[in-house]
Amino acid sequence: MAMMSAQSEPDLDWPAIEAGVRQFNEGDYFAAHESWEHAWMAIGATDLRRPVIQALVQIAAGLHKWTVGVAPGAVKSLSRALDNLDRGSCPALESRFDLVDLRQQVLHLVRHAESVER
C-alpha cells in the first residue's frame, strides 16, 4: 500500500504528514503512526479533516499490529480507520492521495485479518 507524496497547505502539519508518507512507504508503520498522530493532534476537534488524518494514524497502527502478529488489534484499528475515512473530508489529502483505493485495500485487509482471527 504505497502512498504518494503530499504538497503544502499552510494549516496542516505537512512536514509530519510527509514524514509519515515516507515511513509508511518504507514499511515503518509505527513511525508513520507517530508522525501522523503529531499532525492529527494539531487539527481542531471539529475540523472535518481530523477524521481523515486519524484514519491514517489508525491504518499505520493497524498495519504495525498486523506485522507483529496482533490480528485482533489490527482489525480494531483498521475498522475504525474505515469509519473515519467515511465520516471525514480532507480535499488537500484527497487530491494528492488515492484514498478510495487505500480504503479498498484496508477493507480487503480487514476481511483477511478477520478470517485469520477466527
PDB file of N, CA and C in Angstrom:
ATOM      1  N   MET A   1       0.835  -1.170   0.000  1.00  0.00           N
ATOM      2  CA  MET A   1       0.000   0.000   0.000  1.00  0.00           C
ATOM      3  C   MET A   1       0.880   1.234   0.000  1.00  0.00           C
ATOM      4  N   ALA A   2       1.341   1.661  -1.122  1.00  0.00           N
ATOM      5  CA  ALA A   2       2.176   2.850  -1.206  1.00  0.00           C
ATOM      6  C   ALA A   2       1.306   4.091  -1.301  1.00  0.00           C
ATOM      7  N   MET A   3       1.788   5.166  -0.716  1.00  0.00           N
ATOM      8  CA  MET A   3       1.095   6.438  -0.788  1.00  0.00           C
ATOM      9  C   MET A   3       1.980   7.428  -1.538  1.00  0.00           C
ATOM     10  N   MET A   4       1.343   8.317  -2.287  1.00  0.00           N
ATOM     11  CA  MET A   4       2.077   9.354  -2.998  1.00  0.00           C
ATOM     12  C   MET A   4       2.445  10.473  -2.032  1.00  0.00           C
ATOM     13  N   SER A   5       3.318  11.333  -2.481  1.00  0.00           N
ATOM     14  CA  SER A   5       3.732  12.480  -1.688  1.00  0.00           C
ATOM     15  C   SER A   5       2.654  13.553  -1.652  1.00  0.00           C
ATOM     16  N   ALA A   6       2.564  14.244  -0.541  1.00  0.00           N
ATOM     17  CA  ALA A   6       1.629  15.349  -0.393  1.00  0.00           C
ATOM     18  C   ALA A   6       2.335  16.667  -0.712  1.00  0.00           C
ATOM     19  N   GLN A   7       1.559  17.712  -0.862  1.00  0.00           N
ATOM     20  CA  GLN A   7       2.129  19.032  -1.079  1.00  0.00           C
ATOM     21  C   GLN A   7       1.589  19.976  -0.027  1.00  0.00           C
ATOM     22  N   SER A   8       2.148  21.142   0.000  1.00  0.00           N
ATOM     23  CA  SER A   8       1.908  22.089   1.081  1.00  0.00           C
ATOM     24  C   SER A   8       0.491  22.676   1.100  1.00  0.00           C
ATOM     25  N   GLU A   9      -0.049  22.778   2.275  1.00  0.00           N
ATOM     26  CA  GLU A   9      -1.242  23.560   2.588  1.00  0.00           C
ATOM     27  C   GLU A   9      -0.955  24.141   3.952  1.00  0.00           C
ATOM     28  N   PRO A  10      -0.999  25.466   4.114  1.00  0.00           N
ATOM     29  CA  PRO A  10      -0.439  26.122   5.289  1.00  0.00           C
ATOM     30  C   PRO A  10      -0.935  25.653   6.652  1.00  0.00           C
ATOM     31  N   ASP A  11      -2.200  25.292   6.785  1.00  0.00           N
ATOM     32  CA  ASP A  11      -2.695  24.998   8.122  1.00  0.00           C
ATOM     33  C   ASP A  11      -2.635  23.522   8.508  1.00  0.00           C
ATOM     34  N   LEU A  12      -2.048  22.686   7.688  1.00  0.00           N
ATOM     35  CA  LEU A  12      -1.809  21.287   8.061  1.00  0.00           C
ATOM     36  C   LEU A  12      -0.323  21.118   8.335  1.00  0.00           C
ATOM     37  N   ASP A  13       0.007  20.183   9.191  1.00  0.00           N
ATOM     38  CA  ASP A  13       1.415  19.914   9.510  1.00  0.00           C
ATOM     39  C   ASP A  13       1.999  19.019   8.425  1.00  0.00           C
ATOM     40  N   TRP A  14       2.305  19.630   7.271  1.00  0.00           N
ATOM     41  CA  TRP A  14       2.786  18.865   6.134  1.00  0.00           C
ATOM     42  C   TRP A  14       4.122  18.180   6.382  1.00  0.00           C
ATOM     43  N   PRO A  15       5.054  18.761   7.142  1.00  0.00           N
ATOM     44  CA  PRO A  15       6.284  18.001   7.413  1.00  0.00           C
ATOM     45  C   PRO A  15       5.998  16.662   8.109  1.00  0.00           C
ATOM     46  N   ALA A  16       5.064  16.665   9.060  1.00  0.00           N
ATOM     47  CA  ALA A  16       4.711  15.417   9.749  1.00  0.00           C
ATOM     48  C   ALA A  16       3.978  14.470   8.798  1.00  0.00           C
ATOM     49  N   ILE A  17       3.109  15.017   7.958  1.00  0.00           N
ATOM     50  CA  ILE A  17       2.380  14.178   7.001  1.00  0.00           C
ATOM     51  C   ILE A  17       3.357  13.561   6.011  1.00  0.00           C
ATOM     52  N   GLU A  18       4.277  14.368   5.483  1.00  0.00           N
ATOM     53  CA  GLU A  18       5.283  13.869   4.529  1.00  0.00           C
ATOM     54  C   GLU A  18       6.172  12.811   5.169  1.00  0.00           C
ATOM     55  N   ALA A  19       6.584  13.052   6.413  1.00  0.00           N
ATOM     56  CA  ALA A  19       7.410  12.060   7.112  1.00  0.00           C
ATOM     57  C   ALA A  19       6.641  10.757   7.248  1.00  0.00           C
ATOM     58  N   GLY A  20       5.356  10.848   7.596  1.00  0.00           N
ATOM     59  CA  GLY A  20       4.523   9.654   7.716  1.00  0.00           C
ATOM     60  C   GLY A  20       4.392   8.904   6.409  1.00  0.00           C
ATOM     61  N   VAL A  21       4.235   9.631   5.310  1.00  0.00           N
ATOM     62  CA  VAL A  21       4.140   9.001   3.993  1.00  0.00           C
ATOM     63  C   VAL A  21       5.425   8.232   3.696  1.00  0.00           C
ATOM     64  N   ARG A  22       6.561   8.886   3.925  1.00  0.00           N
ATOM     65  CA  ARG A  22       7.851   8.236   3.666  1.00  0.00           C
ATOM     66  C   ARG A  22       8.007   6.976   4.536  1.00  0.00           C
ATOM     67  N   GLN A  23       7.713   7.111   5.810  1.00  0.00           N
ATOM     68  CA  GLN A  23       7.848   5.985   6.734  1.00  0.00           C
ATOM     69  C   GLN A  23       6.883   4.858   6.376  1.00  0.00           C
ATOM     70  N   PHE A  24       5.666   5.213   6.030  1.00  0.00           N
ATOM     71  CA  PHE A  24       4.665   4.226   5.630  1.00  0.00           C
ATOM     72  C   PHE A  24       5.144   3.452   4.405  1.00  0.00           C
ATOM     73  N   ASN A  25       5.617   4.189   3.398  1.00  0.00           N
ATOM     74  CA  ASN A  25       6.083   3.550   2.166  1.00  0.00           C
ATOM     75  C   ASN A  25       7.313   2.681   2.391  1.00  0.00           C
ATOM     76  N   GLU A  26       8.083   2.978   3.426  1.00  0.00           N
ATOM     77  CA  GLU A  26       9.254   2.169   3.784  1.00  0.00           C
ATOM     78  C   GLU A  26       8.866   0.979   4.658  1.00  0.00           C
ATOM     79  N   GLY A  27       7.605   0.889   5.044  1.00  0.00           N
ATOM     80  CA  GLY A  27       7.144  -0.214   5.884  1.00  0.00           C
ATOM     81  C   GLY A  27       7.350   0.015   7.366  1.00  0.00           C
ATOM     82  N   ASP A  28       7.726   1.235   7.759  1.00  0.00           N
ATOM     83  CA  ASP A  28       7.902   1.560   9.174  1.00  0.00           C
ATOM     84  C   ASP A  28       6.585   2.140   9.686  1.00  0.00           C
ATOM     85  N   TYR A  29       5.620   1.249   9.900  1.00  0.00           N
ATOM     86  CA  TYR A  29       4.267   1.665  10.240  1.00  0.00           C
ATOM     87  C   TYR A  29       4.172   2.327  11.609  1.00  0.00           C
ATOM     88  N   PHE A  30       4.994   1.884  12.548  1.00  0.00           N
ATOM     89  CA  PHE A  30       4.975   2.501  13.880  1.00  0.00           C
ATOM     90  C   PHE A  30       5.411   3.960  13.786  1.00  0.00           C
ATOM     91  N   ALA A  31       6.493   4.223  13.066  1.00  0.00           N
ATOM     92  CA  ALA A  31       6.976   5.601  12.909  1.00  0.00           C
ATOM     93  C   ALA A  31       5.954   6.450  12.143  1.00  0.00           C
ATOM     94  N   ALA A  32       5.323   5.877  11.115  1.00  0.00           N
ATOM     95  CA  ALA A  32       4.295   6.605  10.365  1.00  0.00           C
ATOM     96  C   ALA A  32       3.142   6.972  11.284  1.00  0.00           C
ATOM     97  N   HIS A  33       2.761   6.038  12.140  1.00  0.00           N
ATOM     98  CA  HIS A  33       1.703   6.290  13.119  1.00  0.00           C
ATOM     99  C   HIS A  33       2.070   7.490  13.984  1.00  0.00           C
ATOM    100  N   GLU A  34       3.295   7.524  14.474  1.00  0.00           N
ATOM    101  CA  GLU A  34       3.742   8.622  15.334  1.00  0.00           C
ATOM    102  C   GLU A  34       3.731   9.955  14.584  1.00  0.00           C
ATOM    103  N   SER A  35       4.220   9.967  13.356  1.00  0.00           N
ATOM    104  CA  SER A  35       4.254  11.206  12.569  1.00  0.00           C
ATOM    105  C   SER A  35       2.852  11.715  12.294  1.00  0.00           C
ATOM    106  N   TRP A  36       1.974  10.828  11.851  1.00  0.00           N
ATOM    107  CA  TRP A  36       0.611  11.246  11.537  1.00  0.00           C
ATOM    108  C   TRP A  36      -0.161  11.636  12.786  1.00  0.00           C
ATOM    109  N   GLU A  37       0.150  10.988  13.903  1.00  0.00           N
ATOM    110  CA  GLU A  37      -0.509  11.365  15.154  1.00  0.00           C
ATOM    111  C   GLU A  37      -0.159  12.803  15.521  1.00  0.00           C
ATOM    112  N   HIS A  38       1.085  13.193  15.277  1.00  0.00           N
ATOM    113  CA  HIS A  38       1.510  14.572  15.533  1.00  0.00           C
ATOM    114  C   HIS A  38       0.670  15.538  14.687  1.00  0.00           C
ATOM    115  N   ALA A  39       0.484  15.224  13.408  1.00  0.00           N
ATOM    116  CA  ALA A  39      -0.331  16.070  12.521  1.00  0.00           C
ATOM    117  C   ALA A  39      -1.791  16.078  12.970  1.00  0.00           C
ATOM    118  N   TRP A  40      -2.285  14.927  13.392  1.00  0.00           N
ATOM    119  CA  TRP A  40      -3.674  14.793  13.831  1.00  0.00           C
ATOM    120  C   TRP A  40      -3.942  15.639  15.069  1.00  0.00           C
ATOM    121  N   MET A  41      -3.010  15.628  16.014  1.00  0.00           N
ATOM    122  CA  MET A  41      -3.197  16.366  17.265  1.00  0.00           C
ATOM    123  C   MET A  41      -3.205  17.874  17.037  1.00  0.00           C
ATOM    124  N   ALA A  42      -2.621  18.346  15.942  1.00  0.00           N
ATOM    125  CA  ALA A  42      -2.565  19.779  15.654  1.00  0.00           C
ATOM    126  C   ALA A  42      -3.845  20.302  15.007  1.00  0.00           C
ATOM    127  N   ILE A  43      -4.775  19.414  14.668  1.00  0.00           N
ATOM    128  CA  ILE A  43      -6.018  19.804  13.996  1.00  0.00           C
ATOM    129  C   ILE A  43      -7.126  19.948  15.039  1.00  0.00           C
ATOM    130  N   GLY A  44      -7.928  20.980  14.901  1.00  0.00           N
ATOM    131  CA  GLY A  44      -9.026  21.222  15.824  1.00  0.00           C
ATOM    132  C   GLY A  44     -10.023  20.075  15.869  1.00  0.00           C
ATOM    133  N   ALA A  45     -10.633  19.883  17.012  1.00  0.00           N
ATOM    134  CA  ALA A  45     -11.529  18.751  17.247  1.00  0.00           C
ATOM    135  C   ALA A  45     -12.735  18.729  16.315  1.00  0.00           C
ATOM    136  N   THR A  46     -13.184  19.872  15.835  1.00  0.00           N
ATOM    137  CA  THR A  46     -14.365  19.902  14.969  1.00  0.00           C
ATOM    138  C   THR A  46     -14.005  19.998  13.485  1.00  0.00           C
ATOM    139  N   ASP A  47     -12.741  20.032  13.176  1.00  0.00           N
ATOM    140  CA  ASP A  47     -12.279  20.125  11.786  1.00  0.00           C
ATOM    141  C   ASP A  47     -12.597  18.824  11.064  1.00  0.00           C
ATOM    142  N   LEU A  48     -13.279  18.901   9.913  1.00  0.00           N
ATOM    143  CA  LEU A  48     -13.662  17.704   9.163  1.00  0.00           C
ATOM    144  C   LEU A  48     -12.475  16.942   8.588  1.00  0.00           C
ATOM    145  N   ARG A  49     -11.295  17.562   8.582  1.00  0.00           N
ATOM    146  CA  ARG A  49     -10.093  16.873   8.125  1.00  0.00           C
ATOM    147  C   ARG A  49      -9.552  15.931   9.196  1.00  0.00           C
ATOM    148  N   ARG A  50      -9.904  16.189  10.436  1.00  0.00           N
ATOM    149  CA  ARG A  50      -9.378  15.404  11.552  1.00  0.00           C
ATOM    150  C   ARG A  50      -9.641  13.897  11.408  1.00  0.00           C
ATOM    151  N   PRO A  51     -10.866  13.467  11.058  1.00  0.00           N
ATOM    152  CA  PRO A  51     -11.091  12.018  10.917  1.00  0.00           C
ATOM    153  C   PRO A  51     -10.231  11.381   9.818  1.00  0.00           C
ATOM    154  N   VAL A  52      -9.940  12.116   8.763  1.00  0.00           N
ATOM    155  CA  VAL A  52      -9.123  11.554   7.681  1.00  0.00           C
ATOM    156  C   VAL A  52      -7.685  11.350   8.166  1.00  0.00           C
ATOM    157  N   ILE A  53      -7.136  12.347   8.862  1.00  0.00           N
ATOM    158  CA  ILE A  53      -5.786  12.202   9.409  1.00  0.00           C
ATOM    159  C   ILE A  53      -5.787  11.098  10.464  1.00  0.00           C
ATOM    160  N   GLN A  54      -6.830  11.040  11.282  1.00  0.00           N
ATOM    161  CA  GLN A  54      -6.930   9.986  12.287  1.00  0.00           C
ATOM    162  C   GLN A  54      -6.980   8.615  11.623  1.00  0.00           C
ATOM    163  N   ALA A  55      -7.648   8.518  10.483  1.00  0.00           N
ATOM    164  CA  ALA A  55      -7.693   7.248   9.755  1.00  0.00           C
ATOM    165  C   ALA A  55      -6.290   6.815   9.331  1.00  0.00           C
ATOM    166  N   LEU A  56      -5.467   7.772   8.890  1.00  0.00           N
ATOM    167  CA  LEU A  56      -4.089   7.421   8.532  1.00  0.00           C
ATOM    168  C   LEU A  56      -3.336   6.884   9.744  1.00  0.00           C
ATOM    169  N   VAL A  57      -3.534   7.537  10.891  1.00  0.00           N
ATOM    170  CA  VAL A  57      -2.919   7.073  12.144  1.00  0.00           C
ATOM    171  C   VAL A  57      -3.356   5.636  12.430  1.00  0.00           C
ATOM    172  N   GLN A  58      -4.651   5.385  12.297  1.00  0.00           N
ATOM    173  CA  GLN A  58      -5.199   4.067  12.611  1.00  0.00           C
ATOM    174  C   GLN A  58      -4.758   3.007  11.598  1.00  0.00           C
ATOM    175  N   ILE A  59      -4.629   3.388  10.339  1.00  0.00           N
ATOM    176  CA  ILE A  59      -4.140   2.434   9.338  1.00  0.00           C
ATOM    177  C   ILE A  59      -2.713   2.033   9.651  1.00  0.00           C
ATOM    178  N   ALA A  60      -1.879   3.016   9.961  1.00  0.00           N
ATOM    179  CA  ALA A  60      -0.485   2.711  10.296  1.00  0.00           C
ATOM    180  C   ALA A  60      -0.414   1.847  11.554  1.00  0.00           C
ATOM    181  N   ALA A  61      -1.225   2.180  12.553  1.00  0.00           N
ATOM    182  CA  ALA A  61      -1.242   1.376  13.787  1.00  0.00           C
ATOM    183  C   ALA A  61      -1.717  -0.046  13.493  1.00  0.00           C
ATOM    184  N   GLY A  62      -2.760  -0.154  12.681  1.00  0.00           N
ATOM    185  CA  GLY A  62      -3.282  -1.475  12.327  1.00  0.00           C
ATOM    186  C   GLY A  62      -2.266  -2.318  11.584  1.00  0.00           C
ATOM    187  N   LEU A  63      -1.561  -1.713  10.642  1.00  0.00           N
ATOM    188  CA  LEU A  63      -0.544  -2.465   9.895  1.00  0.00           C
ATOM    189  C   LEU A  63       0.626  -2.844  10.787  1.00  0.00           C
ATOM    190  N   HIS A  64       0.971  -1.968  11.723  1.00  0.00           N
ATOM    191  CA  HIS A  64       2.026  -2.328  12.681  1.00  0.00           C
ATOM    192  C   HIS A  64       1.587  -3.535  13.507  1.00  0.00           C
ATOM    193  N   LYS A  65       0.363  -3.491  14.004  1.00  0.00           N
ATOM    194  CA  LYS A  65      -0.144  -4.611  14.802  1.00  0.00           C
ATOM    195  C   LYS A  65      -0.183  -5.890  13.970  1.00  0.00           C
ATOM    196  N   TRP A  66      -0.579  -5.772  12.712  1.00  0.00           N
ATOM    197  CA  TRP A  66      -0.619  -6.932  11.825  1.00  0.00           C
ATOM    198  C   TRP A  66       0.780  -7.529  11.660  1.00  0.00           C
ATOM    199  N   THR A  67       1.776  -6.673  11.461  1.00  0.00           N
ATOM    200  CA  THR A  67       3.137  -7.168  11.217  1.00  0.00           C
ATOM    201  C   THR A  67       3.754  -7.819  12.446  1.00  0.00           C
ATOM    202  N   VAL A  68       3.269  -7.461  13.639  1.00  0.00           N
ATOM    203  CA  VAL A  68       3.801  -8.093  14.846  1.00  0.00           C
ATOM    204  C   VAL A  68       2.904  -9.225  15.340  1.00  0.00           C
ATOM    205  N   GLY A  69       1.887  -9.566  14.534  1.00  0.00           N
ATOM    206  CA  GLY A  69       1.071 -10.738  14.845  1.00  0.00           C
ATOM    207  C   GLY A  69      -0.098 -10.514  15.766  1.00  0.00           C
ATOM    208  N   VAL A  70      -0.574  -9.291  15.869  1.00  0.00           N
ATOM    209  CA  VAL A  70      -1.717  -8.999  16.735  1.00  0.00           C
ATOM    210  C   VAL A  70      -2.941  -8.734  15.847  1.00  0.00           C
ATOM    211  N   ALA A  71      -3.497  -9.811  15.297  1.00  0.00           N
ATOM    212  CA  ALA A  71      -4.615  -9.689  14.358  1.00  0.00           C
ATOM    213  C   ALA A  71      -5.839  -8.995  14.958  1.00  0.00           C
ATOM    214  N   PRO A  72      -6.253  -9.315  16.207  1.00  0.00           N
ATOM    215  CA  PRO A  72      -7.441  -8.628  16.749  1.00  0.00           C
ATOM    216  C   PRO A  72      -7.238  -7.112  16.849  1.00  0.00           C
ATOM    217  N   GLY A  73      -6.066  -6.691  17.276  1.00  0.00           N
ATOM    218  CA  GLY A  73      -5.770  -5.260  17.358  1.00  0.00           C
ATOM    219  C   GLY A  73      -5.725  -4.616  15.983  1.00  0.00           C
ATOM    220  N   ALA A  74      -5.210  -5.356  15.007  1.00  0.00           N
ATOM    221  CA  ALA A  74      -5.169  -4.845  13.635  1.00  0.00           C
ATOM    222  C   ALA A  74      -6.582  -4.630  13.104  1.00  0.00           C
ATOM    223  N   VAL A  75      -7.444  -5.601  13.311  1.00  0.00           N
ATOM    224  CA  VAL A  75      -8.838  -5.496  12.852  1.00  0.00           C
ATOM    225  C   VAL A  75      -9.516  -4.293  13.493  1.00  0.00           C
ATOM    226  N   LYS A  76      -9.319  -4.111  14.787  1.00  0.00           N
ATOM    227  CA  LYS A  76      -9.948  -2.999  15.501  1.00  0.00           C
ATOM    228  C   LYS A  76      -9.468  -1.653  14.949  1.00  0.00           C
ATOM    229  N   SER A  77      -8.159  -1.480  14.801  1.00  0.00           N
ATOM    230  CA  SER A  77      -7.612  -0.217  14.295  1.00  0.00           C
ATOM    231  C   SER A  77      -8.032   0.043  12.856  1.00  0.00           C
ATOM    232  N   LEU A  78      -7.949  -0.971  12.019  1.00  0.00           N
ATOM    233  CA  LEU A  78      -8.287  -0.796  10.608  1.00  0.00           C
ATOM    234  C   LEU A  78      -9.780  -0.547  10.405  1.00  0.00           C
ATOM    235  N   SER A  79     -10.617  -1.195  11.208  1.00  0.00           N
ATOM    236  CA  SER A  79     -12.066  -0.967  11.121  1.00  0.00           C
ATOM    237  C   SER A  79     -12.417   0.460  11.526  1.00  0.00           C
ATOM    238  N   ARG A  80     -11.772   0.947  12.555  1.00  0.00           N
ATOM    239  CA  ARG A  80     -12.003   2.340  12.968  1.00  0.00           C
ATOM    240  C   ARG A  80     -11.526   3.302  11.887  1.00  0.00           C
ATOM    241  N   ALA A  81     -10.431   2.959  11.232  1.00  0.00           N
ATOM    242  CA  ALA A  81      -9.930   3.799  10.145  1.00  0.00           C
ATOM    243  C   ALA A  81     -10.955   3.900   9.020  1.00  0.00           C
ATOM    244  N   LEU A  82     -11.578   2.781   8.681  1.00  0.00           N
ATOM    245  CA  LEU A  82     -12.610   2.800   7.637  1.00  0.00           C
ATOM    246  C   LEU A  82     -13.752   3.736   8.022  1.00  0.00           C
ATOM    247  N   ASP A  83     -14.177   3.664   9.272  1.00  0.00           N
ATOM    248  CA  ASP A  83     -15.243   4.549   9.752  1.00  0.00           C
ATOM    249  C   ASP A  83     -14.832   6.013   9.625  1.00  0.00           C
ATOM    250  N   ASN A  84     -13.591   6.318  10.006  1.00  0.00           N
ATOM    251  CA  ASN A  84     -13.123   7.700   9.942  1.00  0.00           C
ATOM    252  C   ASN A  84     -12.972   8.192   8.503  1.00  0.00           C
ATOM    253  N   LEU A  85     -12.534   7.322   7.609  1.00  0.00           N
ATOM    254  CA  LEU A  85     -12.455   7.716   6.200  1.00  0.00           C
ATOM    255  C   LEU A  85     -13.842   8.067   5.663  1.00  0.00           C
ATOM    256  N   ASP A  86     -14.861   7.358   6.153  1.00  0.00           N
ATOM    257  CA  ASP A  86     -16.232   7.603   5.694  1.00  0.00           C
ATOM    258  C   ASP A  86     -16.827   8.896   6.245  1.00  0.00           C
ATOM    259  N   ARG A  87     -16.383   9.313   7.418  1.00  0.00           N
ATOM    260  CA  ARG A  87     -17.025  10.480   8.037  1.00  0.00           C
ATOM    261  C   ARG A  87     -16.246  11.777   7.917  1.00  0.00           C
ATOM    262  N   GLY A  88     -15.022  11.700   7.430  1.00  0.00           N
ATOM    263  CA  GLY A  88     -14.215  12.908   7.310  1.00  0.00           C
ATOM    264  C   GLY A  88     -14.116  13.396   5.880  1.00  0.00           C
ATOM    265  N   SER A  89     -13.501  14.563   5.735  1.00  0.00           N
ATOM    266  CA  SER A  89     -13.266  15.138   4.418  1.00  0.00           C
ATOM    267  C   SER A  89     -12.010  15.996   4.474  1.00  0.00           C
ATOM    268  N   CYS A  90     -11.080  15.704   3.593  1.00  0.00           N
ATOM    269  CA  CYS A  90      -9.844  16.476   3.537  1.00  0.00           C
ATOM    270  C   CYS A  90      -9.426  16.619   2.080  1.00  0.00           C
ATOM    271  N   PRO A  91      -9.996  17.611   1.383  1.00  0.00           N
ATOM    272  CA  PRO A  91      -9.683  17.778  -0.034  1.00  0.00           C
ATOM    273  C   PRO A  91      -8.190  17.870  -0.332  1.00  0.00           C
ATOM    274  N   ALA A  92      -7.412  18.475   0.564  1.00  0.00           N
ATOM    275  CA  ALA A  92      -5.966  18.589   0.334  1.00  0.00           C
ATOM    276  C   ALA A  92      -5.315  17.216   0.252  1.00  0.00           C
ATOM    277  N   LEU A  93      -5.753  16.289   1.085  1.00  0.00           N
ATOM    278  CA  LEU A  93      -5.212  14.930   1.029  1.00  0.00           C
ATOM    279  C   LEU A  93      -5.854  14.140  -0.105  1.00  0.00           C
ATOM    280  N   GLU A  94      -7.145  14.308  -0.277  1.00  0.00           N
ATOM    281  CA  GLU A  94      -7.865  13.556  -1.307  1.00  0.00           C
ATOM    282  C   GLU A  94      -7.362  13.875  -2.711  1.00  0.00           C
ATOM    283  N   SER A  95      -6.869  15.096  -2.906  1.00  0.00           N
ATOM    284  CA  SER A  95      -6.359  15.465  -4.227  1.00  0.00           C
ATOM    285  C   SER A  95      -4.940  14.927  -4.456  1.00  0.00           C
ATOM    286  N   ARG A  96      -4.285  14.487  -3.402  1.00  0.00           N
ATOM    287  CA  ARG A  96      -2.908  14.017  -3.525  1.00  0.00           C
ATOM    288  C   ARG A  96      -2.752  12.521  -3.287  1.00  0.00           C
ATOM    289  N   PHE A  97      -3.677  11.932  -2.547  1.00  0.00           N
ATOM    290  CA  PHE A  97      -3.631  10.504  -2.244  1.00  0.00           C
ATOM    291  C   PHE A  97      -4.862   9.840  -2.834  1.00  0.00           C
ATOM    292  N   ASP A  98      -4.733   8.616  -3.232  1.00  0.00           N
ATOM    293  CA  ASP A  98      -5.886   7.861  -3.710  1.00  0.00           C
ATOM    294  C   ASP A  98      -6.538   7.197  -2.492  1.00  0.00           C
ATOM    295  N   LEU A  99      -7.327   7.984  -1.777  1.00  0.00           N
ATOM    296  CA  LEU A  99      -7.945   7.485  -0.550  1.00  0.00           C
ATOM    297  C   LEU A  99      -9.017   6.439  -0.835  1.00  0.00           C
ATOM    298  N   VAL A 100      -9.613   6.481  -2.024  1.00  0.00           N
ATOM    299  CA  VAL A 100     -10.601   5.460  -2.398  1.00  0.00           C
ATOM    300  C   VAL A 100      -9.898   4.108  -2.513  1.00  0.00           C
ATOM    301  N   ASP A 101      -8.770   4.076  -3.191  1.00  0.00           N
ATOM    302  CA  ASP A 101      -8.006   2.836  -3.317  1.00  0.00           C
ATOM    303  C   ASP A 101      -7.470   2.386  -1.957  1.00  0.00           C
ATOM    304  N   LEU A 102      -6.973   3.338  -1.170  1.00  0.00           N
ATOM    305  CA  LEU A 102      -6.473   2.996   0.166  1.00  0.00           C
ATOM    306  C   LEU A 102      -7.585   2.364   0.992  1.00  0.00           C
ATOM    307  N   ARG A 103      -8.791   2.950   0.923  1.00  0.00           N
ATOM    308  CA  ARG A 103      -9.931   2.398   1.665  1.00  0.00           C
ATOM    309  C   ARG A 103     -10.231   0.965   1.219  1.00  0.00           C
ATOM    310  N   GLN A 104     -10.203   0.724  -0.079  1.00  0.00           N
ATOM    311  CA  GLN A 104     -10.462  -0.620  -0.598  1.00  0.00           C
ATOM    312  C   GLN A 104      -9.403  -1.618  -0.114  1.00  0.00           C
ATOM    313  N   GLN A 105      -8.159  -1.193  -0.099  1.00  0.00           N
ATOM    314  CA  GLN A 105      -7.090  -2.076   0.369  1.00  0.00           C
ATOM    315  C   GLN A 105      -7.222  -2.368   1.861  1.00  0.00           C
ATOM    316  N   VAL A 106      -7.595  -1.356   2.624  1.00  0.00           N
ATOM    317  CA  VAL A 106      -7.796  -1.550   4.065  1.00  0.00           C
ATOM    318  C   VAL A 106      -8.978  -2.485   4.307  1.00  0.00           C
ATOM    319  N   LEU A 107     -10.066  -2.298   3.573  1.00  0.00           N
ATOM    320  CA  LEU A 107     -11.224  -3.177   3.703  1.00  0.00           C
ATOM    321  C   LEU A 107     -10.843  -4.624   3.395  1.00  0.00           C
ATOM    322  N   HIS A 108     -10.069  -4.827   2.345  1.00  0.00           N
ATOM    323  CA  HIS A 108      -9.597  -6.168   1.991  1.00  0.00           C
ATOM    324  C   HIS A 108      -8.759  -6.760   3.126  1.00  0.00           C
ATOM    325  N   LEU A 109      -7.880  -5.964   3.697  1.00  0.00           N
ATOM    326  CA  LEU A 109      -7.038  -6.451   4.793  1.00  0.00           C
ATOM    327  C   LEU A 109      -7.869  -6.774   6.031  1.00  0.00           C
ATOM    328  N   VAL A 110      -8.880  -5.954   6.323  1.00  0.00           N
ATOM    329  CA  VAL A 110      -9.759  -6.230   7.469  1.00  0.00           C
ATOM    330  C   VAL A 110     -10.453  -7.569   7.283  1.00  0.00           C
ATOM    331  N   ARG A 111     -10.985  -7.794   6.105  1.00  0.00           N
ATOM    332  CA  ARG A 111     -11.673  -9.076   5.845  1.00  0.00           C
ATOM    333  C   ARG A 111     -10.704 -10.249   5.985  1.00  0.00           C
ATOM    334  N   HIS A 112      -9.493 -10.072   5.473  1.00  0.00           N
ATOM    335  CA  HIS A 112      -8.491 -11.133   5.586  1.00  0.00           C
ATOM    336  C   HIS A 112      -8.119 -11.359   7.052  1.00  0.00           C
ATOM    337  N   ALA A 113      -7.872 -10.273   7.784  1.00  0.00           N
ATOM    338  CA  ALA A 113      -7.483 -10.388   9.183  1.00  0.00           C
ATOM    339  C   ALA A 113      -8.594 -11.016  10.016  1.00  0.00           C
ATOM    340  N   GLU A 114      -9.846 -10.689   9.713  1.00  0.00           N
ATOM    341  CA  GLU A 114     -10.969 -11.290  10.441  1.00  0.00           C
ATOM    342  C   GLU A 114     -11.013 -12.800  10.191  1.00  0.00           C
ATOM    343  N   SER A 115     -10.693 -13.228   8.976  1.00  0.00           N
ATOM    344  CA  SER A 115     -10.716 -14.657   8.688  1.00  0.00           C
ATOM    345  C   SER A 115      -9.578 -15.374   9.391  1.00  0.00           C
ATOM    346  N   VAL A 116      -8.451 -14.717   9.543  1.00  0.00           N
ATOM    347  CA  VAL A 116      -7.293 -15.304  10.227  1.00  0.00           C
ATOM    348  C   VAL A 116      -7.559 -15.345  11.726  1.00  0.00           C
ATOM    349  N   GLU A 117      -8.250 -14.332  12.228  1.00  0.00           N
ATOM    350  CA  GLU A 117      -8.520 -14.189  13.649  1.00  0.00           C
ATOM    351  C   GLU A 117      -9.412 -15.304  14.188  1.00  0.00           C
ATOM    352  N   ARG A 118     -10.256 -15.858  13.342  1.00  0.00           N
ATOM    353  CA  ARG A 118     -11.238 -16.868  13.789  1.00  0.00           C
ATOM    354  C   ARG A 118     -10.601 -18.179  14.119  1.00  0.00           C
TER     355      ARG A 118
END
